[in-house]
């Protein structure tokens, strides 16, 4: 996981072995991130004994590497979702996204997960047009019946976010931040204690569909009645029917050394993200570091001198950090869809998939697992709201998909500078 701060500050004792024999079971989950672990835990609470297979380790992917920001809503705007599926279903999606945040809080409390939960979020604007966009967000939230935060400006803003870069910020009191790896491992430990059989370092190489599904993992076979695919950006072509619907996009995070001046940068300890297309997002850690995320890579290669490059972006936001050190710098892939909306669905009546969280999944992944467990139990109404979102593959095929995406995003990068 590169030089990952979350791995260095892991506090949850979780262990699982590799699969060493054939298995027959009712439900298998492929993918040991939050969505997969959550599905397993909810199934166990419904009386099943599911099996979870992870090719690496629990939390190895985006669930254990992300910026730690817990948000309601989606990467796609509510206005866009309303246009895609209608205002009634869009409101249902919003309500479920709020439920996702509440579910995360409830899981942390119920299972005593030591993941440094804090409440509060600021959505920051750099330009007047972005301030107008935040005002439109306020109006949209009011229509949804959501709690509408204040738009902070001037001295009031500087008292909450001590950066000369931003001219306004919209409060969001539903949102917050956590240590994502500890949260993911805490869920996995709870699932294991509830009877879920979890196998790490067990890569599924082939799926044979049918009334009984057969999965091949090395020399071993796993037979199951129901399958949930939750590999996200790390499926690596396992299921051809899903190829092209998500693009693995690299994003990166840096952590400074512990500093006495970090608490004063964000006195209320909110998570913060700006409104640029290629956004910066940041927060304080429990040990007074600044965790600063941003940049994207479409080449699947991290930028050179990653720590120095990310630190330079942080200093541009907080000049007070001049002379700071980047003690940790790491990255990974998020599973972006073309419309930035989550992509849930069925490949067969007994095969579900959960993907396309588009960098907005820390809370939503937990709910996704719950919805998948509901489908296995015969309750599909809520899951089906998500399946009504239309999706299309990225153009260009396997060879041209990444260059086409890079070309399409160049305009948005330039617009960030205007």
Protein backbone atom coordinates (compact mmCIF):
# COMPACT_ATOMS: atom_id res chain seq x y z
CA UNK A 1 0.00 0.00 0.00
CA UNK A 2 2.95 2.33 -0.47
CA UNK A 3 3.77 4.62 2.48
CA UNK A 4 0.23 4.64 3.87
CA UNK A 5 -0.50 6.58 7.07
CA UNK A 6 -3.58 4.47 7.73
CA UNK A 7 -1.53 1.26 7.77
CA UNK A 8 0.96 2.88 10.15
CA UNK A 9 -1.87 3.84 12.54
CA UNK A 10 -3.92 0.66 12.29
CA UNK A 11 -5.62 -0.13 15.61
CA UNK A 12 -7.96 -3.02 14.80
CA UNK A 13 -6.69 -6.57 15.22
CA UNK A 14 -8.10 -8.53 12.29
CA UNK A 15 -6.72 -11.71 10.79
CA UNK A 16 -7.87 -14.07 8.06
CA UNK A 17 -6.19 -16.93 6.23
CA UNK A 18 -6.19 -17.89 2.57
CA UNK A 19 -8.72 -20.41 1.27
CA UNK A 20 -7.28 -23.91 1.54
CA UNK A 21 -10.19 -26.13 0.45
CA UNK A 22 -13.34 -26.26 -1.66
CA UNK A 23 -16.51 -24.68 -0.24
CA UNK A 24 -20.26 -24.87 -0.80
CA UNK A 25 -22.39 -22.07 0.63
CA UNK A 26 -25.51 -19.98 0.03
CA UNK A 27 -23.86 -16.61 -0.71
CA UNK A 28 -20.36 -15.52 -1.72
CA UNK A 29 -19.05 -11.97 -1.80
CA UNK A 30 -16.04 -11.11 -3.96
CA UNK A 31 -14.22 -8.06 -2.65
CA UNK A 32 -13.07 -7.14 0.86
CA UNK A 33 -13.78 -3.43 0.85
CA UNK A 34 -16.58 -1.75 2.79
CA UNK A 35 -19.35 -2.76 0.38
CA UNK A 36 -18.35 -6.43 0.45
CA UNK A 37 -17.75 -6.57 4.18
CA UNK A 38 -21.00 -4.71 4.86
CA UNK A 39 -22.96 -7.15 2.68
CA UNK A 40 -21.41 -10.07 4.56
CA UNK A 41 -22.20 -8.57 7.96
CA UNK A 42 -25.82 -7.81 7.07
CA UNK A 43 -26.29 -11.30 5.67
CA UNK A 44 -24.88 -12.83 8.84
CA UNK A 45 -27.28 -10.75 10.89
CA UNK A 46 -30.09 -12.23 8.79
CA UNK A 47 -29.02 -15.74 9.76
CA UNK A 48 -26.86 -16.66 6.77
CA UNK A 49 -23.27 -17.92 6.82
CA UNK A 50 -21.77 -16.10 3.82
CA UNK A 51 -18.24 -16.45 2.49
CA UNK A 52 -16.14 -13.41 1.57
CA UNK A 53 -13.15 -13.73 -0.78
CA UNK A 54 -10.49 -11.00 -1.03
CA UNK A 55 -7.56 -11.19 -3.45
CA UNK A 56 -5.30 -9.10 -1.22
CA UNK A 57 -6.19 -8.08 2.34
CA UNK A 58 -9.33 -6.55 3.84
CA UNK A 59 -9.31 -2.81 3.12
CA UNK A 60 -6.43 -3.14 0.63
CA UNK A 61 -8.22 -1.09 -2.05
CA UNK A 62 -10.01 2.24 -1.92
CA UNK A 63 -11.69 1.42 1.40
CA UNK A 64 -8.34 1.53 3.20
CA UNK A 65 -6.68 4.34 1.25
CA UNK A 66 -9.26 7.10 0.78
CA UNK A 67 -9.46 10.60 2.23
CA UNK A 68 -11.71 9.51 5.09
CA UNK A 69 -14.55 11.93 4.26
CA UNK A 70 -18.01 10.68 5.24
CA UNK A 71 -20.58 12.37 2.99
CA UNK A 72 -24.27 12.11 2.16
CA UNK A 73 -25.25 12.46 -1.47
CA UNK A 74 -23.34 11.29 -4.51
CA UNK A 75 -20.56 12.38 -6.84
CA UNK A 76 -23.32 13.16 -9.36
CA UNK A 77 -25.42 16.15 -8.30
CA UNK A 78 -29.00 15.67 -7.14
CA UNK A 79 -30.10 17.84 -10.06
CA UNK A 80 -28.39 15.43 -12.47
CA UNK A 81 -29.88 12.38 -10.76
CA UNK A 82 -33.32 13.97 -10.90
CA UNK A 83 -32.91 14.39 -14.66
CA UNK A 84 -31.74 10.78 -15.01
CA UNK A 85 -34.45 8.98 -13.02
CA UNK A 86 -37.04 11.60 -12.03
CA UNK A 87 -37.46 13.69 -8.89
CA UNK A 88 -39.31 11.00 -6.93
CA UNK A 89 -36.59 8.38 -7.26
CA UNK A 90 -33.89 11.04 -6.82
CA UNK A 91 -35.40 11.93 -3.45
CA UNK A 92 -35.35 8.25 -2.49
CA UNK A 93 -31.66 8.14 -3.40
CA UNK A 94 -30.95 11.21 -1.27
CA UNK A 95 -32.78 9.71 1.71
CA UNK A 96 -30.81 6.49 1.36
CA UNK A 97 -27.54 8.45 1.20
CA UNK A 98 -28.45 10.05 4.54
CA UNK A 99 -29.26 6.59 5.86
CA UNK A 100 -25.78 5.53 4.72
CA UNK A 101 -24.16 8.14 6.98
CA UNK A 102 -26.41 7.15 9.88
CA UNK A 103 -25.57 3.48 9.30
CA UNK A 104 -21.85 4.24 9.49
CA UNK A 105 -22.34 6.05 12.80
CA UNK A 106 -24.45 3.20 14.16
CA UNK A 107 -21.90 0.55 13.16
CA UNK A 108 -19.06 2.46 14.80
CA UNK A 109 -21.00 2.74 18.04
CA UNK A 110 -22.40 -0.79 18.06
CA UNK A 111 -19.07 -2.47 17.37
CA UNK A 112 -16.85 0.02 19.24
CA UNK A 113 -14.70 0.63 16.17
CA UNK A 114 -11.72 2.91 17.02
CA UNK A 115 -11.76 5.02 13.85
CA UNK A 116 -11.63 8.63 15.11
CA UNK A 117 -15.12 9.71 14.03
CA UNK A 118 -15.65 13.49 13.81
CA UNK A 119 -18.66 15.43 12.56
CA UNK A 120 -18.70 18.42 10.21
CA UNK A 121 -17.74 19.27 6.63
CA UNK A 122 -16.99 22.42 4.63
CA UNK A 123 -17.46 22.62 0.86
CA UNK A 124 -15.13 25.45 -0.16
CA UNK A 125 -15.27 27.82 -3.15
CA UNK A 126 -12.34 29.56 -4.82
CA UNK A 127 -14.22 31.69 -7.38
CA UNK A 128 -17.47 33.68 -7.55
CA UNK A 129 -19.08 31.18 -9.94
CA UNK A 130 -18.37 28.45 -7.40
CA UNK A 131 -20.04 30.52 -4.67
CA UNK A 132 -23.12 30.71 -6.87
CA UNK A 133 -22.97 26.93 -7.28
CA UNK A 134 -22.90 26.53 -3.48
CA UNK A 135 -25.96 28.78 -3.20
CA UNK A 136 -27.71 26.53 -5.72
CA UNK A 137 -26.70 23.55 -3.59
CA UNK A 138 -28.38 25.21 -0.61
CA UNK A 139 -31.60 25.57 -2.61
CA UNK A 140 -31.45 21.97 -3.82
CA UNK A 141 -30.90 20.66 -0.28
CA UNK A 142 -33.83 22.70 0.99
CA UNK A 143 -36.08 21.10 -1.66
CA UNK A 144 -34.98 17.67 -0.43
CA UNK A 145 -35.85 18.59 3.15
CA UNK A 146 -32.22 18.25 4.17
CA UNK A 147 -30.59 20.37 6.88
CA UNK A 148 -29.12 23.35 5.05
CA UNK A 149 -25.84 24.70 6.37
CA UNK A 150 -24.75 28.32 6.35
CA UNK A 151 -22.62 29.86 3.64
CA UNK A 152 -19.53 31.15 5.42
CA UNK A 153 -17.66 34.15 4.04
CA UNK A 154 -15.17 36.80 5.18
CA UNK A 155 -13.98 36.77 8.77
CA UNK A 156 -16.47 34.04 9.69
CA UNK A 157 -14.92 31.77 7.07
CA UNK A 158 -11.33 32.50 8.13
CA UNK A 159 -12.26 31.64 11.72
CA UNK A 160 -13.30 28.17 10.53
CA UNK A 161 -10.83 27.63 7.67
CA UNK A 162 -7.60 29.59 8.00
CA UNK A 163 -6.66 29.67 4.32
CA UNK A 164 -6.36 32.70 2.01
CA UNK A 165 -7.34 30.55 -0.97
CA UNK A 166 -11.08 30.27 -0.35
CA UNK A 167 -13.76 32.96 -0.53
CA UNK A 168 -16.71 30.94 0.80
CA UNK A 169 -17.63 27.56 2.25
CA UNK A 170 -20.93 25.77 2.74
CA UNK A 171 -21.43 23.91 6.01
CA UNK A 172 -22.64 20.32 6.03
CA UNK A 173 -23.38 19.02 9.50
CA UNK A 174 -24.45 15.56 8.30
CA UNK A 175 -20.97 14.82 6.97
CA UNK A 176 -17.71 14.19 8.81
CA UNK A 177 -14.58 12.06 8.69
CA UNK A 178 -13.07 8.81 9.98
CA UNK A 179 -9.92 6.69 9.78
CA UNK A 180 -11.18 4.56 6.87
CA UNK A 181 -8.92 1.54 7.26
CA UNK A 182 -9.74 1.11 10.94
CA UNK A 183 -13.43 1.48 10.09
CA UNK A 184 -13.21 -1.19 7.36
CA UNK A 185 -11.26 -3.58 9.57
CA UNK A 186 -13.73 -2.98 12.40
CA UNK A 187 -16.60 -3.99 10.14
CA UNK A 188 -14.68 -7.08 9.03
CA UNK A 189 -13.99 -8.07 12.62
CA UNK A 190 -17.71 -7.67 13.43
CA UNK A 191 -18.62 -9.77 10.38
CA UNK A 192 -16.16 -12.48 11.35
CA UNK A 193 -17.53 -12.56 14.90
CA UNK A 194 -21.05 -12.87 13.44
CA UNK A 195 -20.05 -16.02 11.58
CA UNK A 196 -18.83 -14.78 8.19
CA UNK A 197 -16.01 -16.88 6.74
CA UNK A 198 -13.47 -14.41 5.37
CA UNK A 199 -10.52 -15.49 3.23
CA UNK A 200 -7.74 -13.11 2.27
CA UNK A 201 -5.12 -13.68 -0.46
CA UNK A 202 -7.76 -15.66 -2.34
CA UNK A 203 -8.07 -14.39 -5.89
CA UNK A 204 -11.12 -15.41 -7.89
CA UNK A 205 -9.96 -16.12 -11.43
CA UNK A 206 -13.13 -17.36 -13.09
CA UNK A 207 -16.90 -17.24 -12.54
CA UNK A 208 -19.23 -19.88 -14.02
CA UNK A 209 -22.84 -18.71 -13.78
CA UNK A 210 -25.91 -20.91 -13.45
CA UNK A 211 -28.48 -21.90 -10.84
CA UNK A 212 -25.41 -22.96 -8.87
CA UNK A 213 -22.50 -20.57 -9.42
CA UNK A 214 -18.96 -21.93 -9.43
CA UNK A 215 -16.01 -19.69 -8.64
CA UNK A 216 -12.43 -20.76 -9.27
CA UNK A 217 -9.73 -19.50 -6.89
CA UNK A 218 -6.40 -21.17 -7.56
CA UNK A 219 -6.81 -24.91 -7.06
CA UNK A 220 -10.07 -24.50 -5.19
CA UNK A 221 -13.72 -24.20 -6.21
CA UNK A 222 -16.45 -22.33 -4.38
CA UNK A 223 -20.06 -23.25 -5.19
CA UNK A 224 -22.84 -20.91 -4.20
CA UNK A 225 -26.48 -20.09 -4.88
CA UNK A 226 -25.92 -16.32 -4.82
CA UNK A 227 -22.97 -14.07 -5.71
CA UNK A 228 -22.26 -10.41 -4.88
CA UNK A 229 -19.42 -8.84 -6.87
CA UNK A 230 -17.92 -5.88 -4.98
CA UNK A 231 -14.42 -5.50 -6.38
CA UNK A 232 -14.84 -1.94 -7.66
CA UNK A 233 -11.78 -0.59 -9.46
CA UNK A 234 -9.81 -3.77 -8.72
CA UNK A 235 -11.86 -6.40 -10.59
CA UNK A 236 -9.20 -6.47 -13.35
CA UNK A 237 -11.54 -7.87 -15.99
CA UNK A 238 -12.88 -10.73 -13.87
CA UNK A 239 -16.38 -10.25 -15.28
CA UNK A 240 -16.46 -9.19 -18.95
CA UNK A 241 -20.05 -7.89 -18.71
CA UNK A 242 -18.87 -5.18 -16.31
CA UNK A 243 -15.80 -4.11 -18.27
CA UNK A 244 -15.82 -0.50 -19.40
CA UNK A 245 -18.56 0.74 -17.10
CA UNK A 246 -16.03 2.05 -14.57
CA UNK A 247 -12.64 3.64 -15.10
CA UNK A 248 -9.94 3.09 -12.45
CA UNK A 249 -8.64 6.60 -11.74
CA UNK A 250 -5.69 7.19 -9.40
CA UNK A 251 -6.02 9.66 -6.56
CA UNK A 252 -3.48 10.48 -3.85
CA UNK A 253 -3.12 11.53 -0.22
CA UNK A 254 -0.26 13.02 1.82
CA UNK A 255 0.16 13.27 5.59
CA UNK A 256 2.45 15.81 7.22
CA UNK A 257 4.37 15.19 10.40
CA UNK A 258 2.42 15.98 13.62
CA UNK A 259 2.42 19.78 14.00
CA UNK A 260 1.27 22.09 16.78
CA UNK A 261 -0.15 24.54 14.21
CA UNK A 262 -2.44 22.07 12.42
CA UNK A 263 -5.44 22.39 14.81
CA UNK A 264 -5.59 26.13 14.11
CA UNK A 265 -5.92 25.52 10.36
CA UNK A 266 -9.36 23.94 10.80
CA UNK A 267 -10.38 24.81 14.39
CA UNK A 268 -13.71 22.97 14.19
CA UNK A 269 -12.03 19.79 12.90
CA UNK A 270 -14.28 19.56 9.86
CA UNK A 271 -13.37 17.69 6.69
CA UNK A 272 -12.93 20.07 3.75
CA UNK A 273 -13.10 19.75 -0.04
CA UNK A 274 -13.13 22.43 -2.70
CA UNK A 275 -15.43 22.59 -5.72
CA UNK A 276 -12.86 22.23 -8.50
CA UNK A 277 -13.26 19.36 -10.97
CA UNK A 278 -9.80 18.12 -9.90
CA UNK A 279 -10.45 18.91 -6.28
CA UNK A 280 -8.34 19.21 -3.16
CA UNK A 281 -9.70 17.55 -0.02
CA UNK A 282 -8.18 17.61 3.43
CA UNK A 283 -8.69 17.21 7.17
CA UNK A 284 -6.89 16.94 10.47
CA UNK A 285 -5.81 13.56 11.79
CA UNK A 286 -6.21 12.42 15.38
CA UNK A 287 -2.50 13.05 15.97
CA UNK A 288 -2.47 16.61 14.54
CA UNK A 289 -1.24 15.95 11.04
CA UNK A 290 -2.78 17.49 7.95
CA UNK A 291 -4.08 14.78 5.63
CA UNK A 292 -4.26 16.32 2.17
CA UNK A 293 -5.67 14.59 -0.91
CA UNK A 294 -6.07 15.43 -4.55
CA UNK A 295 -4.56 15.07 -7.99
CA UNK A 296 -5.68 12.37 -10.38
CA UNK A 297 -3.88 10.01 -12.71
CA UNK A 298 -5.37 8.23 -15.70
CA UNK A 299 -2.16 6.38 -16.57
CA UNK A 300 -2.32 4.02 -13.55
CA UNK A 301 1.10 5.35 -12.53
CA UNK A 302 1.54 7.64 -9.48
CA UNK A 303 3.01 11.09 -10.14
CA UNK A 304 6.79 11.36 -9.60
CA UNK A 305 7.93 12.75 -6.24
CA UNK A 306 4.43 12.19 -4.91
CA UNK A 307 5.03 13.44 -1.36
CA UNK A 308 6.67 16.68 -2.49
CA UNK A 309 4.01 17.29 -5.14
CA UNK A 310 1.15 16.80 -2.66
CA UNK A 311 2.88 18.91 -0.02
CA UNK A 312 3.22 21.76 -2.53
CA UNK A 313 -0.55 21.65 -3.08
CA UNK A 314 -1.12 21.72 0.68
CA UNK A 315 1.17 24.73 1.12
CA UNK A 316 -0.74 26.54 -1.64
CA UNK A 317 -3.85 26.15 0.53
CA UNK A 318 -2.14 26.72 3.88
CA UNK A 319 1.01 28.87 3.56
CA UNK A 320 1.48 28.30 7.30
CA UNK A 321 2.77 24.81 6.38
CA UNK A 322 5.86 26.12 4.61
CA UNK A 323 8.74 24.00 5.88
CA UNK A 324 6.48 21.06 6.76
CA UNK A 325 7.45 17.50 5.88
CA UNK A 326 5.44 14.91 3.98
CA UNK A 327 5.94 11.86 6.19
CA UNK A 328 3.45 9.70 4.29
CA UNK A 329 2.20 9.71 0.69
CA UNK A 330 0.10 7.04 -0.96
CA UNK A 331 -2.62 6.51 -3.52
CA UNK A 332 -4.96 4.07 -5.19
CA UNK A 333 -7.83 3.77 -7.64
CA UNK A 334 -11.42 4.92 -7.41
CA UNK A 335 -14.06 3.42 -9.72
CA UNK A 336 -15.43 6.33 -11.76
CA UNK A 337 -18.56 5.96 -13.93
CA UNK A 338 -19.27 8.16 -16.96
CA UNK A 339 -22.14 9.96 -15.21
CA UNK A 340 -20.48 9.85 -11.75
CA UNK A 341 -23.52 8.01 -10.35
CA UNK A 342 -23.21 4.65 -8.55
CA UNK A 343 -23.64 1.55 -10.69
CA UNK A 344 -25.55 -1.29 -9.02
CA UNK A 345 -27.30 -4.10 -10.83
CA UNK A 346 -27.69 -7.77 -11.73
CA UNK A 347 -25.73 -9.90 -14.19
CA UNK A 348 -28.17 -12.75 -13.57
CA UNK A 349 -31.04 -13.25 -11.13
CA UNK A 350 -28.54 -14.65 -8.60
CA UNK A 351 -25.52 -12.38 -9.38
CA UNK A 352 -25.43 -8.80 -8.09
CA UNK A 353 -22.72 -6.16 -8.55
CA UNK A 354 -21.87 -2.99 -6.64
CA UNK A 355 -19.48 -0.48 -8.21
CA UNK A 356 -19.04 3.07 -9.51
CA UNK A 357 -18.95 5.03 -6.24
CA UNK A 358 -16.87 7.65 -8.08
CA UNK A 359 -14.87 8.85 -5.09
CA UNK A 360 -17.95 9.38 -2.93
CA UNK A 361 -18.33 5.98 -1.36
CA UNK A 362 -17.10 5.84 2.22
CA UNK A 363 -20.64 5.97 3.61
CA UNK A 364 -22.53 4.75 0.54
CA UNK A 365 -20.55 1.50 0.31
CA UNK A 366 -21.89 0.44 3.69
CA UNK A 367 -25.46 1.00 2.56
CA UNK A 368 -24.75 -0.76 -0.74
CA UNK A 369 -23.84 -3.89 1.18
CA UNK A 370 -27.03 -3.62 3.20
CA UNK A 371 -29.14 -3.27 0.03
CA UNK A 372 -27.44 -6.29 -1.54
CA UNK A 373 -28.24 -8.33 1.57
CA UNK A 374 -31.87 -7.21 1.25
CA UNK A 375 -31.98 -8.52 -2.32
CA UNK A 376 -30.61 -11.91 -1.25
CA UNK A 377 -33.40 -11.98 1.34
CA UNK A 378 -36.01 -11.26 -1.36
CA UNK A 379 -36.45 -7.52 -0.76
CA UNK A 380 -35.26 -5.68 -3.87
CA UNK A 381 -37.32 -2.46 -3.93
CA UNK A 382 -34.61 -0.17 -2.56
CA UNK A 383 -31.80 -1.75 -4.57
CA UNK A 384 -33.89 -1.37 -7.72
CA UNK A 385 -34.02 2.41 -7.35
CA UNK A 386 -30.27 2.40 -8.03
CA UNK A 387 -30.63 -0.02 -10.94
CA UNK A 388 -32.87 2.51 -12.72
CA UNK A 389 -29.94 4.93 -13.12
CA UNK A 390 -28.86 4.63 -16.79
CA UNK A 391 -25.20 3.82 -17.42
CA UNK A 392 -22.98 3.53 -20.48
CA UNK A 393 -19.49 2.23 -21.07
CA UNK A 394 -16.60 4.61 -21.52
CA UNK A 395 -15.95 5.00 -25.25
CA UNK A 396 -12.84 3.82 -27.03
CA UNK A 397 -12.57 0.19 -26.02
CA UNK A 398 -9.83 -1.24 -23.83
CA UNK A 399 -6.98 0.48 -25.68
CA UNK A 400 -8.47 3.94 -26.24
CA UNK A 401 -10.65 4.27 -23.13
CA UNK A 402 -8.04 6.02 -20.99
CA UNK A 403 -6.82 8.48 -23.68
CA UNK A 404 -10.43 9.37 -24.48
CA UNK A 405 -11.16 10.08 -20.82
CA UNK A 406 -8.00 12.17 -20.49
CA UNK A 407 -9.01 14.26 -23.51
CA UNK A 408 -12.53 14.74 -22.19
CA UNK A 409 -11.33 15.94 -18.79
CA UNK A 410 -8.78 18.43 -20.15
CA UNK A 411 -11.50 21.06 -20.54
CA UNK A 412 -12.58 20.69 -16.93
CA UNK A 413 -8.99 20.99 -15.72
CA UNK A 414 -8.61 24.20 -17.69
CA UNK A 415 -11.89 25.50 -16.31
CA UNK A 416 -10.53 25.04 -12.76
CA UNK A 417 -7.95 27.68 -13.64
CA UNK A 418 -10.47 30.25 -14.89
